[in-house]
């Protein structure tokens, strides 16, 4: 019979802490190389253990939380240009009035029909 194992960071919560940490670390690393996030902001991983003692003080219930603090995707903006054609409102990626002046570019803008 094996002797009881003393609690450590690798054995507490049925040994799940390293596995959960590795998952959160993977998310942090992916977030760091994502070109849509701010490269100058820090990321973090928080390990939190909560110990609720038993009434007779013979032990405790341990709750474990591991959370990654990631950076959000940076806000991207672009203009859209609206026109009304035959009662329909349409949106374009470039000003259609400029197309009339200078001719269509090699790749014309996308059209989205908004309403009738």
PDB file of N, CA and C in Angstrom:
ATOM      1  N   UNK A   1       0.829  -1.166   0.000  1.00  0.00           N
ATOM      2  CA  UNK A   1       0.000   0.000   0.000  1.00  0.00           C
ATOM      3  C   UNK A   1       0.890   1.251   0.000  1.00  0.00           C
ATOM      4  N   UNK A   2       0.519   2.211  -0.819  1.00  0.00           N
ATOM      5  CA  UNK A   2       1.291   3.448  -0.919  1.00  0.00           C
ATOM      6  C   UNK A   2       0.952   4.384   0.241  1.00  0.00           C
ATOM      7  N   UNK A   3       1.943   5.139   0.673  1.00  0.00           N
ATOM      8  CA  UNK A   3       1.730   6.138   1.718  1.00  0.00           C
ATOM      9  C   UNK A   3       0.935   7.305   1.132  1.00  0.00           C
ATOM     10  N   UNK A   4       0.130   7.970   1.961  1.00  0.00           N
ATOM     11  CA  UNK A   4      -0.617   9.135   1.466  1.00  0.00           C
ATOM     12  C   UNK A   4       0.337  10.165   0.863  1.00  0.00           C
ATOM     13  N   UNK A   5      -0.107  10.774  -0.237  1.00  0.00           N
ATOM     14  CA  UNK A   5       0.736  11.739  -0.932  1.00  0.00           C
ATOM     15  C   UNK A   5       0.489  13.144  -0.376  1.00  0.00           C
ATOM     16  N   UNK A   6       1.570  13.816  -0.030  1.00  0.00           N
ATOM     17  CA  UNK A   6       1.459  15.177   0.476  1.00  0.00           C
ATOM     18  C   UNK A   6       1.034  16.108  -0.662  1.00  0.00           C
ATOM     19  N   UNK A   7       0.210  17.104  -0.325  1.00  0.00           N
ATOM     20  CA  UNK A   7      -0.309  18.037  -1.318  1.00  0.00           C
ATOM     21  C   UNK A   7       0.785  18.994  -1.783  1.00  0.00           C
ATOM     22  N   UNK A   8       0.840  19.190  -3.101  1.00  0.00           N
ATOM     23  CA  UNK A   8       1.749  20.159  -3.714  1.00  0.00           C
ATOM     24  C   UNK A   8       1.018  20.746  -4.921  1.00  0.00           C
ATOM     25  N   UNK A   9       1.659  21.637  -5.610  1.00  0.00           N
ATOM     26  CA  UNK A   9       1.042  22.251  -6.790  1.00  0.00           C
ATOM     27  C   UNK A   9       0.723  21.212  -7.863  1.00  0.00           C
ATOM     28  N   UNK A  10       1.467  20.127  -7.894  1.00  0.00           N
ATOM     29  CA  UNK A  10       1.232  19.100  -8.918  1.00  0.00           C
ATOM     30  C   UNK A  10       0.243  18.025  -8.478  1.00  0.00           C
ATOM     31  N   UNK A  11      -0.077  17.967  -7.172  1.00  0.00           N
ATOM     32  CA  UNK A  11      -0.993  16.913  -6.712  1.00  0.00           C
ATOM     33  C   UNK A  11      -2.346  17.450  -6.242  1.00  0.00           C
ATOM     34  N   UNK A  12      -2.434  18.725  -5.898  1.00  0.00           N
ATOM     35  CA  UNK A  12      -3.693  19.277  -5.400  1.00  0.00           C
ATOM     36  C   UNK A  12      -4.764  19.221  -6.497  1.00  0.00           C
ATOM     37  N   UNK A  13      -6.008  19.109  -6.096  1.00  0.00           N
ATOM     38  CA  UNK A  13      -7.151  19.033  -7.023  1.00  0.00           C
ATOM     39  C   UNK A  13      -6.967  17.889  -8.025  1.00  0.00           C
ATOM     40  N   UNK A  14      -6.620  16.737  -7.498  1.00  0.00           N
ATOM     41  CA  UNK A  14      -6.419  15.523  -8.297  1.00  0.00           C
ATOM     42  C   UNK A  14      -5.374  15.677  -9.395  1.00  0.00           C
ATOM     43  N   UNK A  15      -4.396  16.556  -9.168  1.00  0.00           N
ATOM     44  CA  UNK A  15      -3.309  16.722 -10.128  1.00  0.00           C
ATOM     45  C   UNK A  15      -3.683  17.498 -11.375  1.00  0.00           C
ATOM     46  N   UNK A  16      -4.830  18.174 -11.380  1.00  0.00           N
ATOM     47  CA  UNK A  16      -5.296  18.874 -12.578  1.00  0.00           C
ATOM     48  C   UNK A  16      -4.688  20.239 -12.816  1.00  0.00           C
ATOM     49  N   UNK A  17      -4.006  20.802 -11.835  1.00  0.00           N
ATOM     50  CA  UNK A  17      -3.487  22.168 -11.959  1.00  0.00           C
ATOM     51  C   UNK A  17      -2.510  22.305 -13.136  1.00  0.00           C
ATOM     52  N   UNK A  18      -1.490  21.465 -13.276  1.00  0.00           N
ATOM     53  CA  UNK A  18      -0.573  21.641 -14.409  1.00  0.00           C
ATOM     54  C   UNK A  18      -1.277  21.545 -15.764  1.00  0.00           C
ATOM     55  N   UNK A  19      -2.225  20.641 -15.884  1.00  0.00           N
ATOM     56  CA  UNK A  19      -2.936  20.482 -17.155  1.00  0.00           C
ATOM     57  C   UNK A  19      -3.738  21.737 -17.497  1.00  0.00           C
ATOM     58  N   UNK A  20      -4.467  22.286 -16.531  1.00  0.00           N
ATOM     59  CA  UNK A  20      -5.259  23.492 -16.767  1.00  0.00           C
ATOM     60  C   UNK A  20      -4.340  24.678 -17.046  1.00  0.00           C
ATOM     61  N   UNK A  21      -3.237  24.763 -16.313  1.00  0.00           N
ATOM     62  CA  UNK A  21      -2.266  25.833 -16.564  1.00  0.00           C
ATOM     63  C   UNK A  21      -1.746  25.772 -17.997  1.00  0.00           C
ATOM     64  N   UNK A  22      -1.396  24.582 -18.470  1.00  0.00           N
ATOM     65  CA  UNK A  22      -0.889  24.422 -19.839  1.00  0.00           C
ATOM     66  C   UNK A  22      -1.926  24.883 -20.870  1.00  0.00           C
ATOM     67  N   UNK A  23      -3.204  24.582 -20.625  1.00  0.00           N
ATOM     68  CA  UNK A  23      -4.266  25.030 -21.546  1.00  0.00           C
ATOM     69  C   UNK A  23      -4.346  26.557 -21.584  1.00  0.00           C
ATOM     70  N   UNK A  24      -4.306  27.187 -20.423  1.00  0.00           N
ATOM     71  CA  UNK A  24      -4.380  28.650 -20.366  1.00  0.00           C
ATOM     72  C   UNK A  24      -3.110  29.279 -20.957  1.00  0.00           C
ATOM     73  N   UNK A  25      -1.966  28.665 -20.723  1.00  0.00           N
ATOM     74  CA  UNK A  25      -0.721  29.156 -21.302  1.00  0.00           C
ATOM     75  C   UNK A  25      -0.795  29.127 -22.829  1.00  0.00           C
ATOM     76  N   UNK A  26      -1.366  28.075 -23.369  1.00  0.00           N
ATOM     77  CA  UNK A  26      -1.535  27.968 -24.817  1.00  0.00           C
ATOM     78  C   UNK A  26      -2.383  29.121 -25.349  1.00  0.00           C
ATOM     79  N   UNK A  27      -3.438  29.481 -24.621  1.00  0.00           N
ATOM     80  CA  UNK A  27      -4.295  30.606 -25.026  1.00  0.00           C
ATOM     81  C   UNK A  27      -3.535  31.927 -24.974  1.00  0.00           C
ATOM     82  N   UNK A  28      -2.721  32.111 -23.956  1.00  0.00           N
ATOM     83  CA  UNK A  28      -1.914  33.328 -23.840  1.00  0.00           C
ATOM     84  C   UNK A  28      -0.943  33.427 -25.010  1.00  0.00           C
ATOM     85  N   UNK A  29      -0.271  32.328 -25.340  1.00  0.00           N
ATOM     86  CA  UNK A  29       0.698  32.348 -26.433  1.00  0.00           C
ATOM     87  C   UNK A  29       0.025  32.639 -27.768  1.00  0.00           C
ATOM     88  N   UNK A  30      -1.144  32.040 -28.011  1.00  0.00           N
ATOM     89  CA  UNK A  30      -1.886  32.316 -29.244  1.00  0.00           C
ATOM     90  C   UNK A  30      -2.294  33.782 -29.306  1.00  0.00           C
ATOM     91  N   UNK A  31      -2.716  34.336 -28.176  1.00  0.00           N
ATOM     92  CA  UNK A  31      -3.137  35.729 -28.118  1.00  0.00           C
ATOM     93  C   UNK A  31      -1.955  36.661 -28.371  1.00  0.00           C
ATOM     94  N   UNK A  32      -0.778  36.289 -27.910  1.00  0.00           N
ATOM     95  CA  UNK A  32       0.404  37.126 -28.089  1.00  0.00           C
ATOM     96  C   UNK A  32       0.818  37.229 -29.552  1.00  0.00           C
ATOM     97  N   UNK A  33       0.657  36.169 -30.316  1.00  0.00           N
ATOM     98  CA  UNK A  33       1.072  36.193 -31.723  1.00  0.00           C
ATOM     99  C   UNK A  33      -0.060  36.594 -32.666  1.00  0.00           C
ATOM    100  N   UNK A  34      -1.258  36.821 -32.146  1.00  0.00           N
ATOM    101  CA  UNK A  34      -2.394  37.243 -32.966  1.00  0.00           C
ATOM    102  C   UNK A  34      -2.159  38.687 -33.417  1.00  0.00           C
ATOM    103  N   UNK A  35      -2.043  38.910 -34.722  1.00  0.00           N
ATOM    104  CA  UNK A  35      -1.762  40.245 -35.252  1.00  0.00           C
ATOM    105  C   UNK A  35      -2.925  41.215 -35.024  1.00  0.00           C
ATOM    106  N   UNK A  36      -4.058  40.720 -34.607  1.00  0.00           N
ATOM    107  CA  UNK A  36      -5.215  41.571 -34.351  1.00  0.00           C
ATOM    108  C   UNK A  36      -5.274  42.083 -32.914  1.00  0.00           C
ATOM    109  N   UNK A  37      -4.284  41.746 -32.093  1.00  0.00           N
ATOM    110  CA  UNK A  37      -4.248  42.213 -30.707  1.00  0.00           C
ATOM    111  C   UNK A  37      -3.084  43.182 -30.524  1.00  0.00           C
ATOM    112  N   UNK A  38      -3.140  43.966 -29.457  1.00  0.00           N
ATOM    113  CA  UNK A  38      -2.118  44.966 -29.164  1.00  0.00           C
ATOM    114  C   UNK A  38      -0.837  44.274 -28.698  1.00  0.00           C
ATOM    115  N   UNK A  39       0.274  44.435 -29.437  1.00  0.00           N
ATOM    116  CA  UNK A  39       1.513  43.748 -29.065  1.00  0.00           C
ATOM    117  C   UNK A  39       2.192  44.348 -27.841  1.00  0.00           C
ATOM    118  N   UNK A  40       1.790  45.564 -27.437  1.00  0.00           N
ATOM    119  CA  UNK A  40       2.452  46.234 -26.323  1.00  0.00           C
ATOM    120  C   UNK A  40       1.789  45.970 -24.979  1.00  0.00           C
ATOM    121  N   UNK A  41       0.639  45.332 -24.968  1.00  0.00           N
ATOM    122  CA  UNK A  41      -0.086  45.071 -23.719  1.00  0.00           C
ATOM    123  C   UNK A  41       0.321  43.700 -23.162  1.00  0.00           C
ATOM    124  N   UNK A  42       0.319  43.611 -21.841  1.00  0.00           N
ATOM    125  CA  UNK A  42       0.704  42.359 -21.192  1.00  0.00           C
ATOM    126  C   UNK A  42      -0.464  41.387 -21.139  1.00  0.00           C
ATOM    127  N   UNK A  43      -0.140  40.135 -20.991  1.00  0.00           N
ATOM    128  CA  UNK A  43      -1.111  39.066 -20.769  1.00  0.00           C
ATOM    129  C   UNK A  43      -0.780  38.472 -19.398  1.00  0.00           C
ATOM    130  N   UNK A  44      -1.740  37.756 -18.823  1.00  0.00           N
ATOM    131  CA  UNK A  44      -1.493  37.187 -17.498  1.00  0.00           C
ATOM    132  C   UNK A  44      -2.195  35.839 -17.356  1.00  0.00           C
ATOM    133  N   UNK A  45      -1.732  35.093 -16.380  1.00  0.00           N
ATOM    134  CA  UNK A  45      -2.410  33.866 -15.956  1.00  0.00           C
ATOM    135  C   UNK A  45      -2.537  33.953 -14.446  1.00  0.00           C
ATOM    136  N   UNK A  46      -3.748  33.787 -13.960  1.00  0.00           N
ATOM    137  CA  UNK A  46      -4.015  33.847 -12.532  1.00  0.00           C
ATOM    138  C   UNK A  46      -4.392  32.465 -12.029  1.00  0.00           C
ATOM    139  N   UNK A  47      -3.681  32.000 -11.017  1.00  0.00           N
ATOM    140  CA  UNK A  47      -4.025  30.764 -10.318  1.00  0.00           C
ATOM    141  C   UNK A  47      -4.627  31.167  -8.984  1.00  0.00           C
ATOM    142  N   UNK A  48      -5.820  30.662  -8.687  1.00  0.00           N
ATOM    143  CA  UNK A  48      -6.460  30.995  -7.417  1.00  0.00           C
ATOM    144  C   UNK A  48      -6.941  29.709  -6.753  1.00  0.00           C
ATOM    145  N   UNK A  49      -6.532  29.542  -5.515  1.00  0.00           N
ATOM    146  CA  UNK A  49      -6.960  28.413  -4.701  1.00  0.00           C
ATOM    147  C   UNK A  49      -7.765  28.962  -3.535  1.00  0.00           C
ATOM    148  N   UNK A  50      -8.938  28.407  -3.324  1.00  0.00           N
ATOM    149  CA  UNK A  50      -9.777  28.803  -2.194  1.00  0.00           C
ATOM    150  C   UNK A  50      -9.923  27.599  -1.277  1.00  0.00           C
ATOM    151  N   UNK A  51      -9.651  27.798   0.005  1.00  0.00           N
ATOM    152  CA  UNK A  51      -9.696  26.722   0.988  1.00  0.00           C
ATOM    153  C   UNK A  51     -10.844  26.999   1.954  1.00  0.00           C
ATOM    154  N   UNK A  52     -11.821  26.087   2.004  1.00  0.00           N
ATOM    155  CA  UNK A  52     -12.952  26.208   2.923  1.00  0.00           C
ATOM    156  C   UNK A  52     -12.780  25.158   4.015  1.00  0.00           C
ATOM    157  N   UNK A  53     -12.383  25.580   5.214  1.00  0.00           N
ATOM    158  CA  UNK A  53     -12.138  24.613   6.289  1.00  0.00           C
ATOM    159  C   UNK A  53     -13.412  23.868   6.696  1.00  0.00           C
ATOM    160  N   UNK A  54     -13.240  22.617   7.067  1.00  0.00           N
ATOM    161  CA  UNK A  54     -14.349  21.831   7.621  1.00  0.00           C
ATOM    162  C   UNK A  54     -14.614  22.333   9.040  1.00  0.00           C
ATOM    163  N   UNK A  55     -15.850  22.159   9.507  1.00  0.00           N
ATOM    164  CA  UNK A  55     -16.255  22.673  10.829  1.00  0.00           C
ATOM    165  C   UNK A  55     -15.362  22.138  11.941  1.00  0.00           C
ATOM    166  N   UNK A  56     -14.951  20.863  11.832  1.00  0.00           N
ATOM    167  CA  UNK A  56     -14.116  20.292  12.898  1.00  0.00           C
ATOM    168  C   UNK A  56     -12.627  20.555  12.669  1.00  0.00           C
ATOM    169  N   UNK A  57     -12.303  21.290  11.622  1.00  0.00           N
ATOM    170  CA  UNK A  57     -10.932  21.681  11.279  1.00  0.00           C
ATOM    171  C   UNK A  57     -10.015  20.503  10.960  1.00  0.00           C
ATOM    172  N   UNK A  58     -10.607  19.403  10.552  1.00  0.00           N
ATOM    173  CA  UNK A  58      -9.797  18.240  10.198  1.00  0.00           C
ATOM    174  C   UNK A  58      -9.361  18.253   8.735  1.00  0.00           C
ATOM    175  N   UNK A  59      -9.858  19.197   7.984  1.00  0.00           N
ATOM    176  CA  UNK A  59      -9.519  19.275   6.567  1.00  0.00           C
ATOM    177  C   UNK A  59     -10.180  20.482   5.933  1.00  0.00           C
ATOM    178  N   UNK A  60     -10.198  20.496   4.624  1.00  0.00           N
ATOM    179  CA  UNK A  60     -10.799  21.615   3.898  1.00  0.00           C
ATOM    180  C   UNK A  60     -11.200  21.163   2.504  1.00  0.00           C
ATOM    181  N   UNK A  61     -12.132  21.890   1.912  1.00  0.00           N
ATOM    182  CA  UNK A  61     -12.464  21.705   0.497  1.00  0.00           C
ATOM    183  C   UNK A  61     -11.674  22.757  -0.267  1.00  0.00           C
ATOM    184  N   UNK A  62     -10.998  22.331  -1.316  1.00  0.00           N
ATOM    185  CA  UNK A  62     -10.167  23.230  -2.101  1.00  0.00           C
ATOM    186  C   UNK A  62     -10.830  23.455  -3.454  1.00  0.00           C
ATOM    187  N   UNK A  63     -10.944  24.711  -3.822  1.00  0.00           N
ATOM    188  CA  UNK A  63     -11.455  25.075  -5.146  1.00  0.00           C
ATOM    189  C   UNK A  63     -10.319  25.747  -5.897  1.00  0.00           C
ATOM    190  N   UNK A  64     -10.154  25.362  -7.152  1.00  0.00           N
ATOM    191  CA  UNK A  64      -9.055  25.869  -7.965  1.00  0.00           C
ATOM    192  C   UNK A  64      -9.621  26.596  -9.177  1.00  0.00           C
ATOM    193  N   UNK A  65      -9.026  27.739  -9.497  1.00  0.00           N
ATOM    194  CA  UNK A  65      -9.410  28.505 -10.683  1.00  0.00           C
ATOM    195  C   UNK A  65      -8.142  28.954 -11.385  1.00  0.00           C
ATOM    196  N   UNK A  66      -8.105  28.776 -12.683  1.00  0.00           N
ATOM    197  CA  UNK A  66      -6.993  29.240 -13.501  1.00  0.00           C
ATOM    198  C   UNK A  66      -7.604  30.051 -14.636  1.00  0.00           C
ATOM    199  N   UNK A  67      -7.197  31.315 -14.735  1.00  0.00           N
ATOM    200  CA  UNK A  67      -7.803  32.189 -15.738  1.00  0.00           C
ATOM    201  C   UNK A  67      -6.713  32.969 -16.463  1.00  0.00           C
ATOM    202  N   UNK A  68      -6.821  32.986 -17.797  1.00  0.00           N
ATOM    203  CA  UNK A  68      -5.893  33.765 -18.615  1.00  0.00           C
ATOM    204  C   UNK A  68      -6.469  35.151 -18.827  1.00  0.00           C
ATOM    205  N   UNK A  69      -5.628  36.154 -18.684  1.00  0.00           N
ATOM    206  CA  UNK A  69      -5.998  37.536 -18.990  1.00  0.00           C
ATOM    207  C   UNK A  69      -5.459  37.875 -20.361  1.00  0.00           C
ATOM    208  N   UNK A  70      -6.333  37.827 -21.354  1.00  0.00           N
ATOM    209  CA  UNK A  70      -5.923  38.033 -22.741  1.00  0.00           C
ATOM    210  C   UNK A  70      -6.238  39.451 -23.188  1.00  0.00           C
ATOM    211  N   UNK A  71      -5.660  39.847 -24.306  1.00  0.00           N
ATOM    212  CA  UNK A  71      -5.966  41.137 -24.906  1.00  0.00           C
ATOM    213  C   UNK A  71      -7.043  40.948 -25.966  1.00  0.00           C
ATOM    214  N   UNK A  72      -8.008  41.856 -26.004  1.00  0.00           N
ATOM    215  CA  UNK A  72      -9.066  41.727 -27.009  1.00  0.00           C
ATOM    216  C   UNK A  72      -8.540  42.060 -28.402  1.00  0.00           C
ATOM    217  N   UNK A  73      -9.273  41.617 -29.386  1.00  0.00           N
ATOM    218  CA  UNK A  73      -8.957  41.969 -30.762  1.00  0.00           C
ATOM    219  C   UNK A  73      -9.106  43.479 -30.897  1.00  0.00           C
ATOM    220  N   UNK A  74      -8.142  44.115 -31.552  1.00  0.00           N
ATOM    221  CA  UNK A  74      -8.185  45.559 -31.720  1.00  0.00           C
ATOM    222  C   UNK A  74      -9.373  45.948 -32.593  1.00  0.00           C
ATOM    223  N   UNK A  75      -9.917  47.101 -32.296  1.00  0.00           N
ATOM    224  CA  UNK A  75     -11.043  47.606 -33.069  1.00  0.00           C
ATOM    225  C   UNK A  75     -10.547  47.996 -34.455  1.00  0.00           C
ATOM    226  N   UNK A  76     -11.262  47.534 -35.466  1.00  0.00           N
ATOM    227  CA  UNK A  76     -10.941  47.892 -36.846  1.00  0.00           C
ATOM    228  C   UNK A  76     -12.079  48.759 -37.373  1.00  0.00           C
ATOM    229  N   UNK A  77     -11.730  49.792 -38.092  1.00  0.00           N
ATOM    230  CA  UNK A  77     -12.745  50.668 -38.667  1.00  0.00           C
ATOM    231  C   UNK A  77     -12.492  50.830 -40.155  1.00  0.00           C
ATOM    232  N   UNK A  78     -13.543  51.041 -40.884  1.00  0.00           N
ATOM    233  CA  UNK A  78     -13.441  51.376 -42.294  1.00  0.00           C
ATOM    234  C   UNK A  78     -14.720  52.105 -42.680  1.00  0.00           C
ATOM    235  N   UNK A  79     -14.614  53.016 -43.644  1.00  0.00           N
ATOM    236  CA  UNK A  79     -15.810  53.739 -44.054  1.00  0.00           C
ATOM    237  C   UNK A  79     -16.678  52.876 -44.965  1.00  0.00           C
ATOM    238  N   UNK A  80     -17.967  53.175 -44.943  1.00  0.00           N
ATOM    239  CA  UNK A  80     -18.873  52.633 -45.953  1.00  0.00           C
ATOM    240  C   UNK A  80     -19.600  53.825 -46.562  1.00  0.00           C
ATOM    241  N   UNK A  81     -19.973  53.693 -47.788  1.00  0.00           N
ATOM    242  CA  UNK A  81     -20.643  54.767 -48.502  1.00  0.00           C
ATOM    243  C   UNK A  81     -22.006  54.270 -48.944  1.00  0.00           C
ATOM    244  N   UNK A  82     -23.010  55.073 -48.682  1.00  0.00           N
ATOM    245  CA  UNK A  82     -24.387  54.696 -48.966  1.00  0.00           C
ATOM    246  C   UNK A  82     -24.891  55.387 -50.220  1.00  0.00           C
ATOM    247  N   UNK A  83     -25.758  54.679 -50.934  1.00  0.00           N
ATOM    248  CA  UNK A  83     -26.462  55.288 -52.063  1.00  0.00           C
ATOM    249  C   UNK A  83     -27.846  54.664 -52.140  1.00  0.00           C
ATOM    250  N   UNK A  84     -28.718  55.381 -52.787  1.00  0.00           N
ATOM    251  CA  UNK A  84     -30.084  54.886 -52.974  1.00  0.00           C
ATOM    252  C   UNK A  84     -30.262  54.648 -54.467  1.00  0.00           C
ATOM    253  N   UNK A  85     -30.648  53.415 -54.797  1.00  0.00           N
ATOM    254  CA  UNK A  85     -30.868  53.042 -56.193  1.00  0.00           C
ATOM    255  C   UNK A  85     -32.218  52.374 -56.296  1.00  0.00           C
ATOM    256  N   UNK A  86     -33.115  52.983 -57.047  1.00  0.00           N
ATOM    257  CA  UNK A  86     -34.473  52.444 -57.252  1.00  0.00           C
ATOM    258  C   UNK A  86     -35.163  52.160 -55.919  1.00  0.00           C
ATOM    259  N   UNK A  87     -34.983  53.029 -54.947  1.00  0.00           N
ATOM    260  CA  UNK A  87     -35.626  52.858 -53.651  1.00  0.00           C
ATOM    261  C   UNK A  87     -34.863  51.981 -52.677  1.00  0.00           C
ATOM    262  N   UNK A  88     -33.843  51.281 -53.133  1.00  0.00           N
ATOM    263  CA  UNK A  88     -33.034  50.435 -52.249  1.00  0.00           C
ATOM    264  C   UNK A  88     -31.843  51.228 -51.725  1.00  0.00           C
ATOM    265  N   UNK A  89     -31.536  51.054 -50.452  1.00  0.00           N
ATOM    266  CA  UNK A  89     -30.324  51.649 -49.897  1.00  0.00           C
ATOM    267  C   UNK A  89     -29.230  50.591 -49.994  1.00  0.00           C
ATOM    268  N   UNK A  90     -28.095  50.984 -50.591  1.00  0.00           N
ATOM    269  CA  UNK A  90     -26.986  50.050 -50.760  1.00  0.00           C
ATOM    270  C   UNK A  90     -25.741  50.637 -50.113  1.00  0.00           C
ATOM    271  N   UNK A  91     -24.847  49.771 -49.656  1.00  0.00           N
ATOM    272  CA  UNK A  91     -23.588  50.191 -49.036  1.00  0.00           C
ATOM    273  C   UNK A  91     -22.431  49.710 -49.898  1.00  0.00           C
ATOM    274  N   UNK A  92     -21.402  50.558 -50.012  1.00  0.00           N
ATOM    275  CA  UNK A  92     -20.229  50.252 -50.831  1.00  0.00           C
ATOM    276  C   UNK A  92     -18.967  50.513 -50.026  1.00  0.00           C
ATOM    277  N   UNK A  93     -17.900  49.850 -50.414  1.00  0.00           N
ATOM    278  CA  UNK A  93     -16.621  50.047 -49.729  1.00  0.00           C
ATOM    279  C   UNK A  93     -15.885  51.282 -50.237  1.00  0.00           C
ATOM    280  N   UNK A  94     -16.349  51.859 -51.339  1.00  0.00           N
ATOM    281  CA  UNK A  94     -15.768  53.111 -51.831  1.00  0.00           C
ATOM    282  C   UNK A  94     -16.887  54.030 -52.293  1.00  0.00           C
ATOM    283  N   UNK A  95     -16.607  55.318 -52.312  1.00  0.00           N
ATOM    284  CA  UNK A  95     -17.599  56.320 -52.672  1.00  0.00           C
ATOM    285  C   UNK A  95     -17.945  56.186 -54.152  1.00  0.00           C
ATOM    286  N   UNK A  96     -19.168  55.817 -54.438  1.00  0.00           N
ATOM    287  CA  UNK A  96     -19.594  55.593 -55.819  1.00  0.00           C
ATOM    288  C   UNK A  96     -19.578  56.883 -56.635  1.00  0.00           C
ATOM    289  N   UNK A  97     -19.668  58.047 -55.992  1.00  0.00           N
ATOM    290  CA  UNK A  97     -19.579  59.326 -56.718  1.00  0.00           C
ATOM    291  C   UNK A  97     -18.170  59.515 -57.270  1.00  0.00           C
ATOM    292  N   UNK A  98     -17.162  59.027 -56.564  1.00  0.00           N
ATOM    293  CA  UNK A  98     -15.786  59.121 -57.047  1.00  0.00           C
ATOM    294  C   UNK A  98     -15.566  58.198 -58.242  1.00  0.00           C
ATOM    295  N   UNK A  99     -16.240  57.058 -58.262  1.00  0.00           N
ATOM    296  CA  UNK A  99     -16.127  56.127 -59.388  1.00  0.00           C
ATOM    297  C   UNK A  99     -16.606  56.816 -60.659  1.00  0.00           C
ATOM    298  N   UNK A 100     -17.681  57.588 -60.535  1.00  0.00           N
ATOM    299  CA  UNK A 100     -18.205  58.301 -61.703  1.00  0.00           C
ATOM    300  C   UNK A 100     -17.178  59.299 -62.225  1.00  0.00           C
ATOM    301  N   UNK A 101     -16.409  59.934 -61.346  1.00  0.00           N
ATOM    302  CA  UNK A 101     -15.422  60.927 -61.762  1.00  0.00           C
ATOM    303  C   UNK A 101     -14.170  60.298 -62.357  1.00  0.00           C
ATOM    304  N   UNK A 102     -13.690  59.237 -61.728  1.00  0.00           N
ATOM    305  CA  UNK A 102     -12.385  58.676 -62.099  1.00  0.00           C
ATOM    306  C   UNK A 102     -12.453  57.292 -62.745  1.00  0.00           C
ATOM    307  N   UNK A 103     -13.606  56.713 -62.867  1.00  0.00           N
ATOM    308  CA  UNK A 103     -13.726  55.370 -63.414  1.00  0.00           C
ATOM    309  C   UNK A 103     -13.541  54.324 -62.337  1.00  0.00           C
ATOM    310  N   UNK A 104     -14.025  53.156 -62.596  1.00  0.00           N
ATOM    311  CA  UNK A 104     -13.967  52.069 -61.616  1.00  0.00           C
ATOM    312  C   UNK A 104     -12.531  51.591 -61.439  1.00  0.00           C
ATOM    313  N   UNK A 105     -12.123  51.283 -60.206  1.00  0.00           N
ATOM    314  CA  UNK A 105     -10.782  50.720 -59.988  1.00  0.00           C
ATOM    315  C   UNK A 105     -10.746  49.275 -60.487  1.00  0.00           C
ATOM    316  N   UNK A 106      -9.556  48.678 -60.547  1.00  0.00           N
ATOM    317  CA  UNK A 106      -9.455  47.289 -61.020  1.00  0.00           C
ATOM    318  C   UNK A 106     -10.358  46.325 -60.246  1.00  0.00           C
ATOM    319  N   UNK A 107     -10.475  46.508 -58.912  1.00  0.00           N
ATOM    320  CA  UNK A 107     -11.365  45.677 -58.117  1.00  0.00           C
ATOM    321  C   UNK A 107     -12.444  46.591 -57.571  1.00  0.00           C
ATOM    322  N   UNK A 108     -13.661  46.380 -58.021  1.00  0.00           N
ATOM    323  CA  UNK A 108     -14.754  47.251 -57.542  1.00  0.00           C
ATOM    324  C   UNK A 108     -15.155  46.852 -56.141  1.00  0.00           C
ATOM    325  N   UNK A 109     -15.760  47.788 -55.419  1.00  0.00           N
ATOM    326  CA  UNK A 109     -16.161  47.569 -54.026  1.00  0.00           C
ATOM    327  C   UNK A 109     -17.324  46.603 -53.911  1.00  0.00           C
ATOM    328  N   UNK A 110     -17.460  46.012 -52.742  1.00  0.00           N
ATOM    329  CA  UNK A 110     -18.547  45.097 -52.463  1.00  0.00           C
ATOM    330  C   UNK A 110     -19.848  45.869 -52.293  1.00  0.00           C
ATOM    331  N   UNK A 111     -20.956  45.226 -52.580  1.00  0.00           N
ATOM    332  CA  UNK A 111     -22.265  45.844 -52.402  1.00  0.00           C
ATOM    333  C   UNK A 111     -23.056  45.048 -51.369  1.00  0.00           C
ATOM    334  N   UNK A 112     -23.684  45.774 -50.446  1.00  0.00           N
ATOM    335  CA  UNK A 112     -24.573  45.164 -49.457  1.00  0.00           C
ATOM    336  C   UNK A 112     -25.907  45.886 -49.556  1.00  0.00           C
ATOM    337  N   UNK A 113     -26.983  45.171 -49.786  1.00  0.00           N
ATOM    338  CA  UNK A 113     -28.308  45.790 -49.809  1.00  0.00           C
ATOM    339  C   UNK A 113     -28.824  45.862 -48.390  1.00  0.00           C
ATOM    340  N   UNK A 114     -29.133  47.091 -47.915  1.00  0.00           N
ATOM    341  CA  UNK A 114     -29.538  47.299 -46.531  1.00  0.00           C
ATOM    342  C   UNK A 114     -31.051  47.237 -46.355  1.00  0.00           C
ATOM    343  N   UNK A 115     -31.799  47.889 -47.229  1.00  0.00           N
ATOM    344  CA  UNK A 115     -33.243  47.948 -47.034  1.00  0.00           C
ATOM    345  C   UNK A 115     -33.929  48.279 -48.341  1.00  0.00           C
ATOM    346  N   UNK A 116     -35.214  47.976 -48.405  1.00  0.00           N
ATOM    347  CA  UNK A 116     -36.033  48.357 -49.556  1.00  0.00           C
ATOM    348  C   UNK A 116     -36.974  49.440 -49.150  1.00  0.00           C
TER     349      UNK A 116
END
